[in-house]
PDB file of N, CA and C in Angstrom:
ATOM      1  N   MET A   1       0.844  -1.174  -0.004  1.00  0.00           N
ATOM      2  CA  MET A   1      -0.007  -0.003   0.001  1.00  0.00           C
ATOM      3  C   MET A   1       0.890   1.235  -0.003  1.00  0.00           C
ATOM      4  N   LYS A   2       0.398   2.276  -0.601  1.00  0.00           N
ATOM      5  CA  LYS A   2       1.173   3.518  -0.728  1.00  0.00           C
ATOM      6  C   LYS A   2       0.347   4.732  -0.364  1.00  0.00           C
ATOM      7  N   GLY A   3       1.023   5.700   0.207  1.00  0.00           N
ATOM      8  CA  GLY A   3       0.410   6.996   0.420  1.00  0.00           C
ATOM      9  C   GLY A   3      -0.739   7.049   1.393  1.00  0.00           C
ATOM     10  N   PHE A   4      -0.583   6.479   2.570  1.00  0.00           N
ATOM     11  CA  PHE A   4      -1.629   6.588   3.561  1.00  0.00           C
ATOM     12  C   PHE A   4      -1.034   6.630   4.950  1.00  0.00           C
ATOM     13  N   VAL A   5      -1.835   7.056   5.902  1.00  0.00           N
ATOM     14  CA  VAL A   5      -1.426   7.150   7.304  1.00  0.00           C
ATOM     15  C   VAL A   5      -2.311   6.230   8.122  1.00  0.00           C
ATOM     16  N   SER A   6      -1.705   5.498   9.045  1.00  0.00           N
ATOM     17  CA  SER A   6      -2.457   4.669   9.979  1.00  0.00           C
ATOM     18  C   SER A   6      -2.244   5.216  11.388  1.00  0.00           C
ATOM     19  N   PHE A   7      -3.316   5.371  12.110  1.00  0.00           N
ATOM     20  CA  PHE A   7      -3.220   5.758  13.522  1.00  0.00           C
ATOM     21  C   PHE A   7      -3.434   4.494  14.335  1.00  0.00           C
ATOM     22  N   VAL A   8      -2.391   4.126  15.096  1.00  0.00           N
ATOM     23  CA  VAL A   8      -2.445   2.902  15.894  1.00  0.00           C
ATOM     24  C   VAL A   8      -2.326   3.301  17.363  1.00  0.00           C
ATOM     25  N   SER A   9      -3.301   2.895  18.143  1.00  0.00           N
ATOM     26  CA  SER A   9      -3.260   3.179  19.579  1.00  0.00           C
ATOM     27  C   SER A   9      -2.693   1.990  20.312  1.00  0.00           C
ATOM     28  N   SER A  10      -1.866   2.261  21.302  1.00  0.00           N
ATOM     29  CA  SER A  10      -1.314   1.162  22.093  1.00  0.00           C
ATOM     30  C   SER A  10      -2.184   0.904  23.328  1.00  0.00           C
ATOM     31  N   GLY A  11      -3.349   1.542  23.377  1.00  0.00           N
ATOM     32  CA  GLY A  11      -4.271   1.323  24.479  1.00  0.00           C
ATOM     33  C   GLY A  11      -3.610   1.555  25.830  1.00  0.00           C
ATOM     34  N   PRO A  12      -3.780   0.606  26.757  1.00  0.00           N
ATOM     35  CA  PRO A  12      -3.193   0.780  28.087  1.00  0.00           C
ATOM     36  C   PRO A  12      -1.674   0.504  28.124  1.00  0.00           C
ATOM     37  N   GLY A  13      -1.093   0.175  26.982  1.00  0.00           N
ATOM     38  CA  GLY A  13       0.349  -0.042  26.917  1.00  0.00           C
ATOM     39  C   GLY A  13       0.796  -1.487  26.938  1.00  0.00           C
ATOM     40  N   ASP A  14      -0.131  -2.403  27.004  1.00  0.00           N
ATOM     41  CA  ASP A  14       0.201  -3.827  27.011  1.00  0.00           C
ATOM     42  C   ASP A  14       0.350  -4.297  25.567  1.00  0.00           C
ATOM     43  N   PRO A  15       1.543  -4.708  25.139  1.00  0.00           N
ATOM     44  CA  PRO A  15       1.749  -5.111  23.747  1.00  0.00           C
ATOM     45  C   PRO A  15       0.919  -6.323  23.349  1.00  0.00           C
ATOM     46  N   GLU A  16       0.481  -7.129  24.297  1.00  0.00           N
ATOM     47  CA  GLU A  16      -0.355  -8.292  23.974  1.00  0.00           C
ATOM     48  C   GLU A  16      -1.770  -7.893  23.584  1.00  0.00           C
ATOM     49  N   LEU A  17      -2.146  -6.621  23.829  1.00  0.00           N
ATOM     50  CA  LEU A  17      -3.475  -6.157  23.492  1.00  0.00           C
ATOM     51  C   LEU A  17      -3.552  -5.447  22.143  1.00  0.00           C
ATOM     52  N   LEU A  18      -2.439  -5.334  21.443  1.00  0.00           N
ATOM     53  CA  LEU A  18      -2.459  -4.752  20.101  1.00  0.00           C
ATOM     54  C   LEU A  18      -3.239  -5.683  19.166  1.00  0.00           C
ATOM     55  N   THR A  19      -3.996  -5.097  18.248  1.00  0.00           N
ATOM     56  CA  THR A  19      -4.703  -5.917  17.268  1.00  0.00           C
ATOM     57  C   THR A  19      -3.689  -6.445  16.247  1.00  0.00           C
ATOM     58  N   LEU A  20      -4.072  -7.486  15.541  1.00  0.00           N
ATOM     59  CA  LEU A  20      -3.223  -8.034  14.501  1.00  0.00           C
ATOM     60  C   LEU A  20      -2.956  -7.005  13.414  1.00  0.00           C
ATOM     61  N   LYS A  21      -3.975  -6.215  13.081  1.00  0.00           N
ATOM     62  CA  LYS A  21      -3.817  -5.188  12.047  1.00  0.00           C
ATOM     63  C   LYS A  21      -2.824  -4.118  12.524  1.00  0.00           C
ATOM     64  N   ALA A  22      -2.879  -3.745  13.797  1.00  0.00           N
ATOM     65  CA  ALA A  22      -1.949  -2.768  14.344  1.00  0.00           C
ATOM     66  C   ALA A  22      -0.509  -3.261  14.214  1.00  0.00           C
ATOM     67  N   VAL A  23      -0.284  -4.524  14.562  1.00  0.00           N
ATOM     68  CA  VAL A  23       1.055  -5.102  14.438  1.00  0.00           C
ATOM     69  C   VAL A  23       1.492  -5.117  12.985  1.00  0.00           C
ATOM     70  N   ASP A  24       0.603  -5.501  12.079  1.00  0.00           N
ATOM     71  CA  ASP A  24       0.937  -5.503  10.643  1.00  0.00           C
ATOM     72  C   ASP A  24       1.302  -4.112  10.154  1.00  0.00           C
ATOM     73  N   ARG A  25       0.564  -3.099  10.592  1.00  0.00           N
ATOM     74  CA  ARG A  25       0.856  -1.724  10.157  1.00  0.00           C
ATOM     75  C   ARG A  25       2.183  -1.248  10.715  1.00  0.00           C
ATOM     76  N   LEU A  26       2.495  -1.596  11.960  1.00  0.00           N
ATOM     77  CA  LEU A  26       3.783  -1.216  12.525  1.00  0.00           C
ATOM     78  C   LEU A  26       4.926  -1.886  11.755  1.00  0.00           C
ATOM     79  N   LYS A  27       4.755  -3.149  11.413  1.00  0.00           N
ATOM     80  CA  LYS A  27       5.801  -3.885  10.675  1.00  0.00           C
ATOM     81  C   LYS A  27       6.037  -3.306   9.295  1.00  0.00           C
ATOM     82  N   ALA A  28       4.972  -2.775   8.676  1.00  0.00           N
ATOM     83  CA  ALA A  28       5.071  -2.274   7.301  1.00  0.00           C
ATOM     84  C   ALA A  28       5.406  -0.780   7.217  1.00  0.00           C
ATOM     85  N   ALA A  29       5.387  -0.088   8.343  1.00  0.00           N
ATOM     86  CA  ALA A  29       5.532   1.379   8.325  1.00  0.00           C
ATOM     87  C   ALA A  29       6.921   1.833   7.893  1.00  0.00           C
ATOM     88  N   ASP A  30       6.961   2.884   7.098  1.00  0.00           N
ATOM     89  CA  ASP A  30       8.221   3.538   6.725  1.00  0.00           C
ATOM     90  C   ASP A  30       8.693   4.459   7.838  1.00  0.00           C
ATOM     91  N   ALA A  31       7.751   5.019   8.589  1.00  0.00           N
ATOM     92  CA  ALA A  31       8.072   5.916   9.705  1.00  0.00           C
ATOM     93  C   ALA A  31       7.051   5.680  10.816  1.00  0.00           C
ATOM     94  N   VAL A  32       7.516   5.783  12.046  1.00  0.00           N
ATOM     95  CA  VAL A  32       6.643   5.627  13.209  1.00  0.00           C
ATOM     96  C   VAL A  32       6.846   6.796  14.131  1.00  0.00           C
ATOM     97  N   LEU A  33       5.786   7.536  14.399  1.00  0.00           N
ATOM     98  CA  LEU A  33       5.814   8.644  15.353  1.00  0.00           C
ATOM     99  C   LEU A  33       5.183   8.128  16.648  1.00  0.00           C
ATOM    100  N   PHE A  34       5.815   8.402  17.772  1.00  0.00           N
ATOM    101  CA  PHE A  34       5.303   7.887  19.036  1.00  0.00           C
ATOM    102  C   PHE A  34       5.644   8.843  20.166  1.00  0.00           C
ATOM    103  N   ASP A  35       4.936   8.685  21.283  1.00  0.00           N
ATOM    104  CA  ASP A  35       5.252   9.491  22.454  1.00  0.00           C
ATOM    105  C   ASP A  35       5.924   8.621  23.514  1.00  0.00           C
ATOM    106  N   ASP A  36       6.214   9.226  24.641  1.00  0.00           N
ATOM    107  CA  ASP A  36       6.948   8.495  25.671  1.00  0.00           C
ATOM    108  C   ASP A  36       6.114   7.432  26.373  1.00  0.00           C
ATOM    109  N   LEU A  37       4.806   7.365  26.101  1.00  0.00           N
ATOM    110  CA  LEU A  37       3.962   6.344  26.698  1.00  0.00           C
ATOM    111  C   LEU A  37       4.048   5.001  25.946  1.00  0.00           C
ATOM    112  N   SER A  38       4.580   5.038  24.729  1.00  0.00           N
ATOM    113  CA  SER A  38       4.734   3.806  23.955  1.00  0.00           C
ATOM    114  C   SER A  38       5.944   3.055  24.495  1.00  0.00           C
ATOM    115  N   SER A  39       5.725   1.811  24.828  1.00  0.00           N
ATOM    116  CA  SER A  39       6.805   1.041  25.445  1.00  0.00           C
ATOM    117  C   SER A  39       7.669   0.342  24.415  1.00  0.00           C
ATOM    118  N   GLY A  40       8.842  -0.105  24.838  1.00  0.00           N
ATOM    119  CA  GLY A  40       9.767  -0.814  23.971  1.00  0.00           C
ATOM    120  C   GLY A  40       9.157  -2.019  23.297  1.00  0.00           C
ATOM    121  N   PRO A  41       8.416  -2.857  24.045  1.00  0.00           N
ATOM    122  CA  PRO A  41       7.826  -4.049  23.389  1.00  0.00           C
ATOM    123  C   PRO A  41       6.856  -3.709  22.272  1.00  0.00           C
ATOM    124  N   ILE A  42       6.188  -2.569  22.388  1.00  0.00           N
ATOM    125  CA  ILE A  42       5.265  -2.165  21.306  1.00  0.00           C
ATOM    126  C   ILE A  42       6.077  -1.692  20.107  1.00  0.00           C
ATOM    127  N   LEU A  43       7.098  -0.891  20.352  1.00  0.00           N
ATOM    128  CA  LEU A  43       7.932  -0.374  19.265  1.00  0.00           C
ATOM    129  C   LEU A  43       8.781  -1.472  18.634  1.00  0.00           C
ATOM    130  N   ALA A  44       8.969  -2.550  19.321  1.00  0.00           N
ATOM    131  CA  ALA A  44       9.731  -3.681  18.770  1.00  0.00           C
ATOM    132  C   ALA A  44       9.080  -4.281  17.531  1.00  0.00           C
ATOM    133  N   HIS A  45       7.782  -4.016  17.335  1.00  0.00           N
ATOM    134  CA  HIS A  45       7.081  -4.499  16.150  1.00  0.00           C
ATOM    135  C   HIS A  45       7.446  -3.694  14.913  1.00  0.00           C
ATOM    136  N   ALA A  46       7.984  -2.478  15.099  1.00  0.00           N
ATOM    137  CA  ALA A  46       8.334  -1.628  13.961  1.00  0.00           C
ATOM    138  C   ALA A  46       9.610  -2.107  13.301  1.00  0.00           C
ATOM    139  N   ARG A  47       9.721  -1.865  11.997  1.00  0.00           N
ATOM    140  CA  ARG A  47      10.932  -2.234  11.264  1.00  0.00           C
ATOM    141  C   ARG A  47      12.109  -1.398  11.739  1.00  0.00           C
ATOM    142  N   ASP A  48      13.296  -1.928  11.611  1.00  0.00           N
ATOM    143  CA  ASP A  48      14.505  -1.161  11.916  1.00  0.00           C
ATOM    144  C   ASP A  48      14.575   0.028  10.968  1.00  0.00           C
ATOM    145  N   GLY A  49      14.823   1.185  11.489  1.00  0.00           N
ATOM    146  CA  GLY A  49      14.935   2.377  10.679  1.00  0.00           C
ATOM    147  C   GLY A  49      13.645   3.112  10.463  1.00  0.00           C
ATOM    148  N   ALA A  50      12.535   2.568  10.935  1.00  0.00           N
ATOM    149  CA  ALA A  50      11.237   3.260  10.744  1.00  0.00           C
ATOM    150  C   ALA A  50      11.079   4.367  11.758  1.00  0.00           C
TER     151      ALA A  50
END
């Protein structure tokens, strides 16, 4: 897919509560913007360099 933005919420911060689609979008993202509430295990789903 090209040219779109996905907003993915990490909810209460538990990486086991992410939806499958959220994990897929993080894995496919060219860039990931996040705040300090996003934990390492959630960001671990993102590609290196995203």
